[in-house]
Amino acid sequence: MLSAMSGGRFKATCHRVVDTGVDRMSVPFFFEPNYDADISCIMPSGPVASSSTATTLQQFCGKKSKVAGGTQYGTWLIEKMRSFAEYRDILSEFKFGSSGSRA
């Protein structure tokens, strides 16, 4: 999500699960925007400056967002999930309203 919204400027931390053969407990935490949140533009368009010369976030992150204007988070999430074959059947079980929110 962050990569798409920042035009590839910011990327998620690489992470993986490794089976060490020892039982363990994991407490994951995920933070998401509201379903109807407009996620189209967190990054302005324009040339990208280096971190040493940028004086504003706009200068540092000047790449154009890859998320279309007016895109809602829920709509983006559903489309992203549909790109995975294992989620297609699950998504077909739910009905979504015109704004994308579950009806």
PDB file of N, CA and C in Angstrom:
ATOM      1  N   MET A   1       0.831  -1.185   0.000  1.00  0.00           N
ATOM      2  CA  MET A   1       0.000   0.000   0.000  1.00  0.00           C
ATOM      3  C   MET A   1       0.876   1.250   0.000  1.00  0.00           C
ATOM      4  N   LEU A   2       1.833   1.305   0.918  1.00  0.00           N
ATOM      5  CA  LEU A   2       2.687   2.489   1.006  1.00  0.00           C
ATOM      6  C   LEU A   2       3.504   2.670  -0.268  1.00  0.00           C
ATOM      7  N   SER A   3       3.967   1.581  -0.848  1.00  0.00           N
ATOM      8  CA  SER A   3       4.731   1.660  -2.084  1.00  0.00           C
ATOM      9  C   SER A   3       3.885   2.230  -3.217  1.00  0.00           C
ATOM     10  N   ALA A   4       2.649   1.761  -3.340  1.00  0.00           N
ATOM     11  CA  ALA A   4       1.760   2.254  -4.399  1.00  0.00           C
ATOM     12  C   ALA A   4       1.426   3.724  -4.201  1.00  0.00           C
ATOM     13  N   MET A   5       1.152   4.105  -2.965  1.00  0.00           N
ATOM     14  CA  MET A   5       0.755   5.484  -2.685  1.00  0.00           C
ATOM     15  C   MET A   5       1.914   6.468  -2.809  1.00  0.00           C
ATOM     16  N   SER A   6       3.142   5.986  -2.636  1.00  0.00           N
ATOM     17  CA  SER A   6       4.295   6.883  -2.700  1.00  0.00           C
ATOM     18  C   SER A   6       5.029   6.783  -4.027  1.00  0.00           C
ATOM     19  N   GLY A   7       4.412   6.134  -5.017  1.00  0.00           N
ATOM     20  CA  GLY A   7       5.053   6.008  -6.320  1.00  0.00           C
ATOM     21  C   GLY A   7       6.320   5.179  -6.269  1.00  0.00           C
ATOM     22  N   GLY A   8       6.406   4.255  -5.326  1.00  0.00           N
ATOM     23  CA  GLY A   8       7.568   3.386  -5.188  1.00  0.00           C
ATOM     24  C   GLY A   8       8.685   3.976  -4.346  1.00  0.00           C
ATOM     25  N   ARG A   9       8.498   5.191  -3.860  1.00  0.00           N
ATOM     26  CA  ARG A   9       9.549   5.854  -3.065  1.00  0.00           C
ATOM     27  C   ARG A   9       9.773   5.149  -1.727  1.00  0.00           C
ATOM     28  N   PHE A  10       8.677   4.715  -1.085  1.00  0.00           N
ATOM     29  CA  PHE A  10       8.779   4.001   0.186  1.00  0.00           C
ATOM     30  C   PHE A  10       8.341   2.565  -0.022  1.00  0.00           C
ATOM     31  N   LYS A  11       9.030   1.637   0.583  1.00  0.00           N
ATOM     32  CA  LYS A  11       8.696   0.219   0.452  1.00  0.00           C
ATOM     33  C   LYS A  11       8.544  -0.391   1.840  1.00  0.00           C
ATOM     34  N   ALA A  12       7.748  -1.457   1.910  1.00  0.00           N
ATOM     35  CA  ALA A  12       7.559  -2.159   3.176  1.00  0.00           C
ATOM     36  C   ALA A  12       8.855  -2.851   3.576  1.00  0.00           C
ATOM     37  N   THR A  13       9.047  -3.015   4.856  1.00  0.00           N
ATOM     38  CA  THR A  13      10.188  -3.757   5.365  1.00  0.00           C
ATOM     39  C   THR A  13      10.064  -5.212   4.936  1.00  0.00           C
ATOM     40  N   CYS A  14      11.160  -5.793   4.461  1.00  0.00           N
ATOM     41  CA  CYS A  14      11.138  -7.218   4.111  1.00  0.00           C
ATOM     42  C   CYS A  14      10.929  -8.019   5.385  1.00  0.00           C
ATOM     43  N   HIS A  15      10.059  -8.981   5.313  1.00  0.00           N
ATOM     44  CA  HIS A  15       9.824  -9.834   6.474  1.00  0.00           C
ATOM     45  C   HIS A  15       9.463 -11.227   5.991  1.00  0.00           C
ATOM     46  N   ARG A  16       9.746 -12.198   6.814  1.00  0.00           N
ATOM     47  CA  ARG A  16       9.447 -13.588   6.476  1.00  0.00           C
ATOM     48  C   ARG A  16       9.306 -14.387   7.755  1.00  0.00           C
ATOM     49  N   VAL A  17       8.721 -15.546   7.610  1.00  0.00           N
ATOM     50  CA  VAL A  17       8.561 -16.456   8.743  1.00  0.00           C
ATOM     51  C   VAL A  17       9.487 -17.636   8.501  1.00  0.00           C
ATOM     52  N   VAL A  18      10.282 -17.965   9.493  1.00  0.00           N
ATOM     53  CA  VAL A  18      11.220 -19.077   9.395  1.00  0.00           C
ATOM     54  C   VAL A  18      10.844 -20.113  10.439  1.00  0.00           C
ATOM     55  N   ASP A  19      10.699 -21.357  10.004  1.00  0.00           N
ATOM     56  CA  ASP A  19      10.399 -22.442  10.937  1.00  0.00           C
ATOM     57  C   ASP A  19      11.696 -22.849  11.624  1.00  0.00           C
ATOM     58  N   THR A  20      11.812 -22.506  12.902  1.00  0.00           N
ATOM     59  CA  THR A  20      13.023 -22.832  13.659  1.00  0.00           C
ATOM     60  C   THR A  20      12.904 -24.163  14.387  1.00  0.00           C
ATOM     61  N   GLY A  21      11.705 -24.768  14.322  1.00  0.00           N
ATOM     62  CA  GLY A  21      11.492 -26.034  15.002  1.00  0.00           C
ATOM     63  C   GLY A  21      11.120 -25.883  16.465  1.00  0.00           C
ATOM     64  N   VAL A  22      11.015 -24.652  16.939  1.00  0.00           N
ATOM     65  CA  VAL A  22      10.668 -24.373  18.328  1.00  0.00           C
ATOM     66  C   VAL A  22       9.343 -23.612  18.350  1.00  0.00           C
ATOM     67  N   ASP A  23       8.430 -24.026  19.244  1.00  0.00           N
ATOM     68  CA  ASP A  23       7.158 -23.312  19.365  1.00  0.00           C
ATOM     69  C   ASP A  23       7.411 -21.874  19.784  1.00  0.00           C
ATOM     70  N   ARG A  24       6.596 -20.985  19.267  1.00  0.00           N
ATOM     71  CA  ARG A  24       6.723 -19.584  19.632  1.00  0.00           C
ATOM     72  C   ARG A  24       5.364 -18.916  19.529  1.00  0.00           C
ATOM     73  N   MET A  25       5.258 -17.745  20.098  1.00  0.00           N
ATOM     74  CA  MET A  25       4.022 -16.976  20.020  1.00  0.00           C
ATOM     75  C   MET A  25       4.306 -15.713  19.215  1.00  0.00           C
ATOM     76  N   SER A  26       3.381 -15.369  18.358  1.00  0.00           N
ATOM     77  CA  SER A  26       3.514 -14.167  17.553  1.00  0.00           C
ATOM     78  C   SER A  26       2.312 -13.271  17.810  1.00  0.00           C
ATOM     79  N   VAL A  27       2.550 -11.984  17.913  1.00  0.00           N
ATOM     80  CA  VAL A  27       1.467 -11.024  18.121  1.00  0.00           C
ATOM     81  C   VAL A  27       1.566  -9.973  17.007  1.00  0.00           C
ATOM     82  N   PRO A  28       0.979 -10.275  15.840  1.00  0.00           N
ATOM     83  CA  PRO A  28       1.061  -9.313  14.739  1.00  0.00           C
ATOM     84  C   PRO A  28       0.139  -8.120  14.965  1.00  0.00           C
ATOM     85  N   PHE A  29       0.508  -7.006  14.395  1.00  0.00           N
ATOM     86  CA  PHE A  29      -0.313  -5.797  14.467  1.00  0.00           C
ATOM     87  C   PHE A  29      -0.365  -5.186  13.075  1.00  0.00           C
ATOM     88  N   PHE A  30      -1.549  -4.923  12.598  1.00  0.00           N
ATOM     89  CA  PHE A  30      -1.724  -4.313  11.287  1.00  0.00           C
ATOM     90  C   PHE A  30      -2.517  -3.026  11.445  1.00  0.00           C
ATOM     91  N   PHE A  31      -2.067  -1.986  10.799  1.00  0.00           N
ATOM     92  CA  PHE A  31      -2.747  -0.698  10.849  1.00  0.00           C
ATOM     93  C   PHE A  31      -3.199  -0.362   9.440  1.00  0.00           C
ATOM     94  N   GLU A  32      -4.470  -0.039   9.287  1.00  0.00           N
ATOM     95  CA  GLU A  32      -5.015   0.259   7.970  1.00  0.00           C
ATOM     96  C   GLU A  32      -5.846   1.536   8.011  1.00  0.00           C
ATOM     97  N   PRO A  33      -5.978   2.196   6.860  1.00  0.00           N
ATOM     98  CA  PRO A  33      -6.894   3.340   6.792  1.00  0.00           C
ATOM     99  C   PRO A  33      -8.342   2.859   6.908  1.00  0.00           C
ATOM    100  N   ASN A  34      -9.263   3.782   7.153  1.00  0.00           N
ATOM    101  CA  ASN A  34     -10.685   3.442   7.114  1.00  0.00           C
ATOM    102  C   ASN A  34     -11.039   2.953   5.721  1.00  0.00           C
ATOM    103  N   TYR A  35     -12.058   2.121   5.632  1.00  0.00           N
ATOM    104  CA  TYR A  35     -12.468   1.534   4.363  1.00  0.00           C
ATOM    105  C   TYR A  35     -12.746   2.605   3.308  1.00  0.00           C
ATOM    106  N   ASP A  36     -13.387   3.702   3.696  1.00  0.00           N
ATOM    107  CA  ASP A  36     -13.764   4.758   2.752  1.00  0.00           C
ATOM    108  C   ASP A  36     -12.727   5.875   2.627  1.00  0.00           C
ATOM    109  N   ALA A  37     -11.547   5.709   3.229  1.00  0.00           N
ATOM    110  CA  ALA A  37     -10.515   6.753   3.185  1.00  0.00           C
ATOM    111  C   ALA A  37     -10.001   6.957   1.765  1.00  0.00           C
ATOM    112  N   ASP A  38      -9.817   8.216   1.375  1.00  0.00           N
ATOM    113  CA  ASP A  38      -9.239   8.553   0.073  1.00  0.00           C
ATOM    114  C   ASP A  38      -7.729   8.359   0.180  1.00  0.00           C
ATOM    115  N   ILE A  39      -7.201   7.419  -0.593  1.00  0.00           N
ATOM    116  CA  ILE A  39      -5.771   7.101  -0.529  1.00  0.00           C
ATOM    117  C   ILE A  39      -5.038   7.537  -1.787  1.00  0.00           C
ATOM    118  N   SER A  40      -5.682   8.361  -2.591  1.00  0.00           N
ATOM    119  CA  SER A  40      -5.133   8.668  -3.908  1.00  0.00           C
ATOM    120  C   SER A  40      -3.866   9.508  -3.892  1.00  0.00           C
ATOM    121  N   CYS A  41      -3.663  10.329  -2.904  1.00  0.00           N
ATOM    122  CA  CYS A  41      -2.530  11.245  -3.023  1.00  0.00           C
ATOM    123  C   CYS A  41      -1.876  11.544  -1.683  1.00  0.00           C
ATOM    124  N   ILE A  42      -0.866  10.768  -1.340  1.00  0.00           N
ATOM    125  CA  ILE A  42      -0.068  11.156  -0.182  1.00  0.00           C
ATOM    126  C   ILE A  42       1.247  11.763  -0.650  1.00  0.00           C
ATOM    127  N   MET A  43       1.552  11.581  -1.924  1.00  0.00           N
ATOM    128  CA  MET A  43       2.795  12.090  -2.466  1.00  0.00           C
ATOM    129  C   MET A  43       2.519  13.044  -3.619  1.00  0.00           C
ATOM    130  N   PRO A  44       3.131  14.193  -3.632  1.00  0.00           N
ATOM    131  CA  PRO A  44       2.957  15.139  -4.731  1.00  0.00           C
ATOM    132  C   PRO A  44       3.731  14.696  -5.964  1.00  0.00           C
ATOM    133  N   SER A  45       3.374  15.230  -7.113  1.00  0.00           N
ATOM    134  CA  SER A  45       4.135  14.930  -8.323  1.00  0.00           C
ATOM    135  C   SER A  45       5.278  15.929  -8.453  1.00  0.00           C
ATOM    136  N   GLY A  46       6.253  15.590  -9.272  1.00  0.00           N
ATOM    137  CA  GLY A  46       7.394  16.477  -9.475  1.00  0.00           C
ATOM    138  C   GLY A  46       8.692  15.706  -9.382  1.00  0.00           C
ATOM    139  N   PRO A  47       9.829  16.376  -9.591  1.00  0.00           N
ATOM    140  CA  PRO A  47      11.118  15.681  -9.547  1.00  0.00           C
ATOM    141  C   PRO A  47      11.469  15.235  -8.126  1.00  0.00           C
ATOM    142  N   VAL A  48      12.227  14.160  -8.041  1.00  0.00           N
ATOM    143  CA  VAL A  48      12.644  13.632  -6.742  1.00  0.00           C
ATOM    144  C   VAL A  48      13.982  14.252  -6.361  1.00  0.00           C
ATOM    145  N   ALA A  49      14.059  14.796  -5.163  1.00  0.00           N
ATOM    146  CA  ALA A  49      15.300  15.390  -4.662  1.00  0.00           C
ATOM    147  C   ALA A  49      16.020  14.379  -3.783  1.00  0.00           C
ATOM    148  N   SER A  50      17.315  14.535  -3.634  1.00  0.00           N
ATOM    149  CA  SER A  50      18.041  13.654  -2.725  1.00  0.00           C
ATOM    150  C   SER A  50      17.740  14.080  -1.295  1.00  0.00           C
ATOM    151  N   SER A  51      17.930  13.162  -0.364  1.00  0.00           N
ATOM    152  CA  SER A  51      17.632  13.473   1.035  1.00  0.00           C
ATOM    153  C   SER A  51      18.525  14.591   1.573  1.00  0.00           C
ATOM    154  N   SER A  52      19.704  14.771   1.004  1.00  0.00           N
ATOM    155  CA  SER A  52      20.606  15.812   1.502  1.00  0.00           C
ATOM    156  C   SER A  52      20.239  17.209   0.996  1.00  0.00           C
ATOM    157  N   THR A  53      19.524  17.303  -0.127  1.00  0.00           N
ATOM    158  CA  THR A  53      19.162  18.613  -0.670  1.00  0.00           C
ATOM    159  C   THR A  53      17.694  18.968  -0.460  1.00  0.00           C
ATOM    160  N   ALA A  54      16.872  18.007  -0.088  1.00  0.00           N
ATOM    161  CA  ALA A  54      15.445  18.271   0.093  1.00  0.00           C
ATOM    162  C   ALA A  54      15.210  19.080   1.357  1.00  0.00           C
ATOM    163  N   THR A  55      14.358  20.079   1.260  1.00  0.00           N
ATOM    164  CA  THR A  55      14.011  20.872   2.435  1.00  0.00           C
ATOM    165  C   THR A  55      12.572  20.633   2.866  1.00  0.00           C
ATOM    166  N   THR A  56      11.797  19.960   2.024  1.00  0.00           N
ATOM    167  CA  THR A  56      10.411  19.638   2.367  1.00  0.00           C
ATOM    168  C   THR A  56      10.111  18.207   1.972  1.00  0.00           C
ATOM    169  N   LEU A  57       9.070  17.648   2.569  1.00  0.00           N
ATOM    170  CA  LEU A  57       8.643  16.299   2.189  1.00  0.00           C
ATOM    171  C   LEU A  57       8.274  16.268   0.717  1.00  0.00           C
ATOM    172  N   GLN A  58       7.671  17.343   0.221  1.00  0.00           N
ATOM    173  CA  GLN A  58       7.283  17.400  -1.188  1.00  0.00           C
ATOM    174  C   GLN A  58       8.512  17.253  -2.083  1.00  0.00           C
ATOM    175  N   GLN A  59       9.613  17.908  -1.744  1.00  0.00           N
ATOM    176  CA  GLN A  59      10.825  17.792  -2.547  1.00  0.00           C
ATOM    177  C   GLN A  59      11.421  16.387  -2.447  1.00  0.00           C
ATOM    178  N   PHE A  60      11.404  15.812  -1.249  1.00  0.00           N
ATOM    179  CA  PHE A  60      12.015  14.498  -1.037  1.00  0.00           C
ATOM    180  C   PHE A  60      11.225  13.385  -1.705  1.00  0.00           C
ATOM    181  N   CYS A  61       9.912  13.483  -1.683  1.00  0.00           N
ATOM    182  CA  CYS A  61       9.047  12.404  -2.165  1.00  0.00           C
ATOM    183  C   CYS A  61       8.321  12.789  -3.441  1.00  0.00           C
ATOM    184  N   GLY A  62       8.929  13.566  -4.280  1.00  0.00           N
ATOM    185  CA  GLY A  62       8.262  14.143  -5.424  1.00  0.00           C
ATOM    186  C   GLY A  62       7.680  13.217  -6.470  1.00  0.00           C
ATOM    187  N   LYS A  63       7.834  11.904  -6.384  1.00  0.00           N
ATOM    188  CA  LYS A  63       7.251  11.010  -7.386  1.00  0.00           C
ATOM    189  C   LYS A  63       5.734  11.035  -7.335  1.00  0.00           C
ATOM    190  N   LYS A  64       5.127  10.827  -8.478  1.00  0.00           N
ATOM    191  CA  LYS A  64       3.669  10.810  -8.573  1.00  0.00           C
ATOM    192  C   LYS A  64       3.122   9.501  -8.015  1.00  0.00           C
ATOM    193  N   SER A  65       2.018   9.585  -7.309  1.00  0.00           N
ATOM    194  CA  SER A  65       1.362   8.406  -6.747  1.00  0.00           C
ATOM    195  C   SER A  65       0.892   7.476  -7.857  1.00  0.00           C
ATOM    196  N   LYS A  66       0.976   6.152  -7.638  1.00  0.00           N
ATOM    197  CA  LYS A  66       0.475   5.170  -8.594  1.00  0.00           C
ATOM    198  C   LYS A  66      -0.989   4.838  -8.334  1.00  0.00           C
ATOM    199  N   VAL A  67      -1.584   5.470  -7.353  1.00  0.00           N
ATOM    200  CA  VAL A  67      -2.988   5.242  -7.025  1.00  0.00           C
ATOM    201  C   VAL A  67      -3.795   6.365  -7.661  1.00  0.00           C
ATOM    202  N   ALA A  68      -4.826   6.013  -8.439  1.00  0.00           N
ATOM    203  CA  ALA A  68      -5.632   7.002  -9.156  1.00  0.00           C
ATOM    204  C   ALA A  68      -6.362   7.936  -8.205  1.00  0.00           C
ATOM    205  N   GLY A  69      -6.601   9.152  -8.655  1.00  0.00           N
ATOM    206  CA  GLY A  69      -7.327  10.133  -7.864  1.00  0.00           C
ATOM    207  C   GLY A  69      -8.705   9.635  -7.461  1.00  0.00           C
ATOM    208  N   GLY A  70      -9.104   9.926  -6.222  1.00  0.00           N
ATOM    209  CA  GLY A  70     -10.421   9.528  -5.736  1.00  0.00           C
ATOM    210  C   GLY A  70     -10.528   8.076  -5.307  1.00  0.00           C
ATOM    211  N   THR A  71      -9.424   7.342  -5.268  1.00  0.00           N
ATOM    212  CA  THR A  71      -9.459   5.928  -4.894  1.00  0.00           C
ATOM    213  C   THR A  71      -9.705   5.777  -3.402  1.00  0.00           C
ATOM    214  N   GLN A  72     -10.662   4.921  -3.062  1.00  0.00           N
ATOM    215  CA  GLN A  72     -10.926   4.617  -1.659  1.00  0.00           C
ATOM    216  C   GLN A  72     -10.133   3.373  -1.271  1.00  0.00           C
ATOM    217  N   TYR A  73      -9.695   3.334  -0.012  1.00  0.00           N
ATOM    218  CA  TYR A  73      -8.885   2.218   0.462  1.00  0.00           C
ATOM    219  C   TYR A  73      -9.588   0.880   0.270  1.00  0.00           C
ATOM    220  N   GLY A  74     -10.861   0.787   0.626  1.00  0.00           N
ATOM    221  CA  GLY A  74     -11.588  -0.477   0.500  1.00  0.00           C
ATOM    222  C   GLY A  74     -11.626  -0.986  -0.923  1.00  0.00           C
ATOM    223  N   THR A  75     -11.872  -0.097  -1.874  1.00  0.00           N
ATOM    224  CA  THR A  75     -11.896  -0.472  -3.290  1.00  0.00           C
ATOM    225  C   THR A  75     -10.524  -0.977  -3.715  1.00  0.00           C
ATOM    226  N   TRP A  76      -9.473  -0.260  -3.321  1.00  0.00           N
ATOM    227  CA  TRP A  76      -8.108  -0.661  -3.664  1.00  0.00           C
ATOM    228  C   TRP A  76      -7.784  -2.032  -3.068  1.00  0.00           C
ATOM    229  N   LEU A  77      -8.169  -2.237  -1.801  1.00  0.00           N
ATOM    230  CA  LEU A  77      -7.878  -3.494  -1.114  1.00  0.00           C
ATOM    231  C   LEU A  77      -8.567  -4.676  -1.792  1.00  0.00           C
ATOM    232  N   ILE A  78      -9.836  -4.517  -2.136  1.00  0.00           N
ATOM    233  CA  ILE A  78     -10.575  -5.598  -2.794  1.00  0.00           C
ATOM    234  C   ILE A  78      -9.928  -5.947  -4.130  1.00  0.00           C
ATOM    235  N   GLU A  79      -9.575  -4.935  -4.918  1.00  0.00           N
ATOM    236  CA  GLU A  79      -8.929  -5.196  -6.208  1.00  0.00           C
ATOM    237  C   GLU A  79      -7.574  -5.869  -6.018  1.00  0.00           C
ATOM    238  N   LYS A  80      -6.833  -5.454  -5.009  1.00  0.00           N
ATOM    239  CA  LYS A  80      -5.537  -6.078  -4.721  1.00  0.00           C
ATOM    240  C   LYS A  80      -5.732  -7.550  -4.347  1.00  0.00           C
ATOM    241  N   MET A  81      -6.737  -7.826  -3.518  1.00  0.00           N
ATOM    242  CA  MET A  81      -7.005  -9.209  -3.109  1.00  0.00           C
ATOM    243  C   MET A  81      -7.454 -10.059  -4.291  1.00  0.00           C
ATOM    244  N   ARG A  82      -8.206  -9.474  -5.220  1.00  0.00           N
ATOM    245  CA  ARG A  82      -8.667 -10.228  -6.394  1.00  0.00           C
ATOM    246  C   ARG A  82      -7.507 -10.660  -7.283  1.00  0.00           C
ATOM    247  N   SER A  83      -6.352 -10.034  -7.143  1.00  0.00           N
ATOM    248  CA  SER A  83      -5.196 -10.419  -7.946  1.00  0.00           C
ATOM    249  C   SER A  83      -4.578 -11.736  -7.466  1.00  0.00           C
ATOM    250  N   PHE A  84      -5.016 -12.227  -6.304  1.00  0.00           N
ATOM    251  CA  PHE A  84      -4.535 -13.500  -5.770  1.00  0.00           C
ATOM    252  C   PHE A  84      -5.611 -14.558  -5.964  1.00  0.00           C
ATOM    253  N   ALA A  85      -5.295 -15.618  -6.678  1.00  0.00           N
ATOM    254  CA  ALA A  85      -6.273 -16.666  -6.987  1.00  0.00           C
ATOM    255  C   ALA A  85      -6.911 -17.249  -5.734  1.00  0.00           C
ATOM    256  N   GLU A  86      -6.161 -17.387  -4.652  1.00  0.00           N
ATOM    257  CA  GLU A  86      -6.697 -18.009  -3.442  1.00  0.00           C
ATOM    258  C   GLU A  86      -7.764 -17.167  -2.744  1.00  0.00           C
ATOM    259  N   TYR A  87      -7.873 -15.875  -3.074  1.00  0.00           N
ATOM    260  CA  TYR A  87      -8.880 -15.014  -2.444  1.00  0.00           C
ATOM    261  C   TYR A  87     -10.122 -14.807  -3.305  1.00  0.00           C
ATOM    262  N   ARG A  88     -10.077 -15.161  -4.568  1.00  0.00           N
ATOM    263  CA  ARG A  88     -11.200 -14.876  -5.470  1.00  0.00           C
ATOM    264  C   ARG A  88     -12.505 -15.485  -4.988  1.00  0.00           C
ATOM    265  N   ASP A  89     -12.491 -16.742  -4.569  1.00  0.00           N
ATOM    266  CA  ASP A  89     -13.720 -17.397  -4.102  1.00  0.00           C
ATOM    267  C   ASP A  89     -14.229 -16.767  -2.815  1.00  0.00           C
ATOM    268  N   ILE A  90     -13.330 -16.388  -1.940  1.00  0.00           N
ATOM    269  CA  ILE A  90     -13.735 -15.776  -0.672  1.00  0.00           C
ATOM    270  C   ILE A  90     -14.442 -14.452  -0.933  1.00  0.00           C
ATOM    271  N   LEU A  91     -13.890 -13.637  -1.817  1.00  0.00           N
ATOM    272  CA  LEU A  91     -14.480 -12.330  -2.110  1.00  0.00           C
ATOM    273  C   LEU A  91     -15.845 -12.440  -2.762  1.00  0.00           C
ATOM    274  N   SER A  92     -16.080 -13.505  -3.526  1.00  0.00           N
ATOM    275  CA  SER A  92     -17.374 -13.653  -4.196  1.00  0.00           C
ATOM    276  C   SER A  92     -18.498 -13.902  -3.199  1.00  0.00           C
ATOM    277  N   GLU A  93     -18.172 -14.303  -1.973  1.00  0.00           N
ATOM    278  CA  GLU A  93     -19.186 -14.561  -0.948  1.00  0.00           C
ATOM    279  C   GLU A  93     -19.718 -13.275  -0.328  1.00  0.00           C
ATOM    280  N   PHE A  94     -19.049 -12.156  -0.523  1.00  0.00           N
ATOM    281  CA  PHE A  94     -19.438 -10.895   0.096  1.00  0.00           C
ATOM    282  C   PHE A  94     -20.085  -9.968  -0.922  1.00  0.00           C
ATOM    283  N   LYS A  95     -21.032  -9.189  -0.463  1.00  0.00           N
ATOM    284  CA  LYS A  95     -21.687  -8.179  -1.298  1.00  0.00           C
ATOM    285  C   LYS A  95     -21.146  -6.815  -0.878  1.00  0.00           C
ATOM    286  N   PHE A  96     -20.787  -5.991  -1.845  1.00  0.00           N
ATOM    287  CA  PHE A  96     -20.260  -4.668  -1.572  1.00  0.00           C
ATOM    288  C   PHE A  96     -21.180  -3.621  -2.169  1.00  0.00           C
ATOM    289  N   GLY A  97     -21.381  -2.519  -1.437  1.00  0.00           N
ATOM    290  CA  GLY A  97     -22.236  -1.432  -1.900  1.00  0.00           C
ATOM    291  C   GLY A  97     -21.548  -0.603  -2.967  1.00  0.00           C
ATOM    292  N   SER A  98     -22.218   0.441  -3.434  1.00  0.00           N
ATOM    293  CA  SER A  98     -21.684   1.278  -4.510  1.00  0.00           C
ATOM    294  C   SER A  98     -20.386   1.970  -4.115  1.00  0.00           C
ATOM    295  N   SER A  99     -20.221   2.279  -2.833  1.00  0.00           N
ATOM    296  CA  SER A  99     -18.981   2.923  -2.390  1.00  0.00           C
ATOM    297  C   SER A  99     -17.900   1.895  -2.095  1.00  0.00           C
ATOM    298  N   GLY A 100     -18.234   0.606  -2.250  1.00  0.00           N
ATOM    299  CA  GLY A 100     -17.273  -0.444  -1.966  1.00  0.00           C
ATOM    300  C   GLY A 100     -17.450  -1.040  -0.596  1.00  0.00           C
ATOM    301  N   SER A 101     -18.162  -0.339   0.304  1.00  0.00           N
ATOM    302  CA  SER A 101     -18.334  -0.866   1.655  1.00  0.00           C
ATOM    303  C   SER A 101     -19.306  -2.034   1.628  1.00  0.00           C
ATOM    304  N   ARG A 102     -19.122  -2.948   2.574  1.00  0.00           N
ATOM    305  CA  ARG A 102     -19.989  -4.130   2.622  1.00  0.00           C
ATOM    306  C   ARG A 102     -21.424  -3.714   2.853  1.00  0.00           C
ATOM    307  N   ALA A 103     -22.307  -4.278   2.058  1.00  0.00           N
ATOM    308  CA  ALA A 103     -23.736  -3.960   2.184  1.00  0.00           C
ATOM    309  C   ALA A 103     -24.385  -4.844   3.224  1.00  0.00           C
TER     310      ALA A 103
END
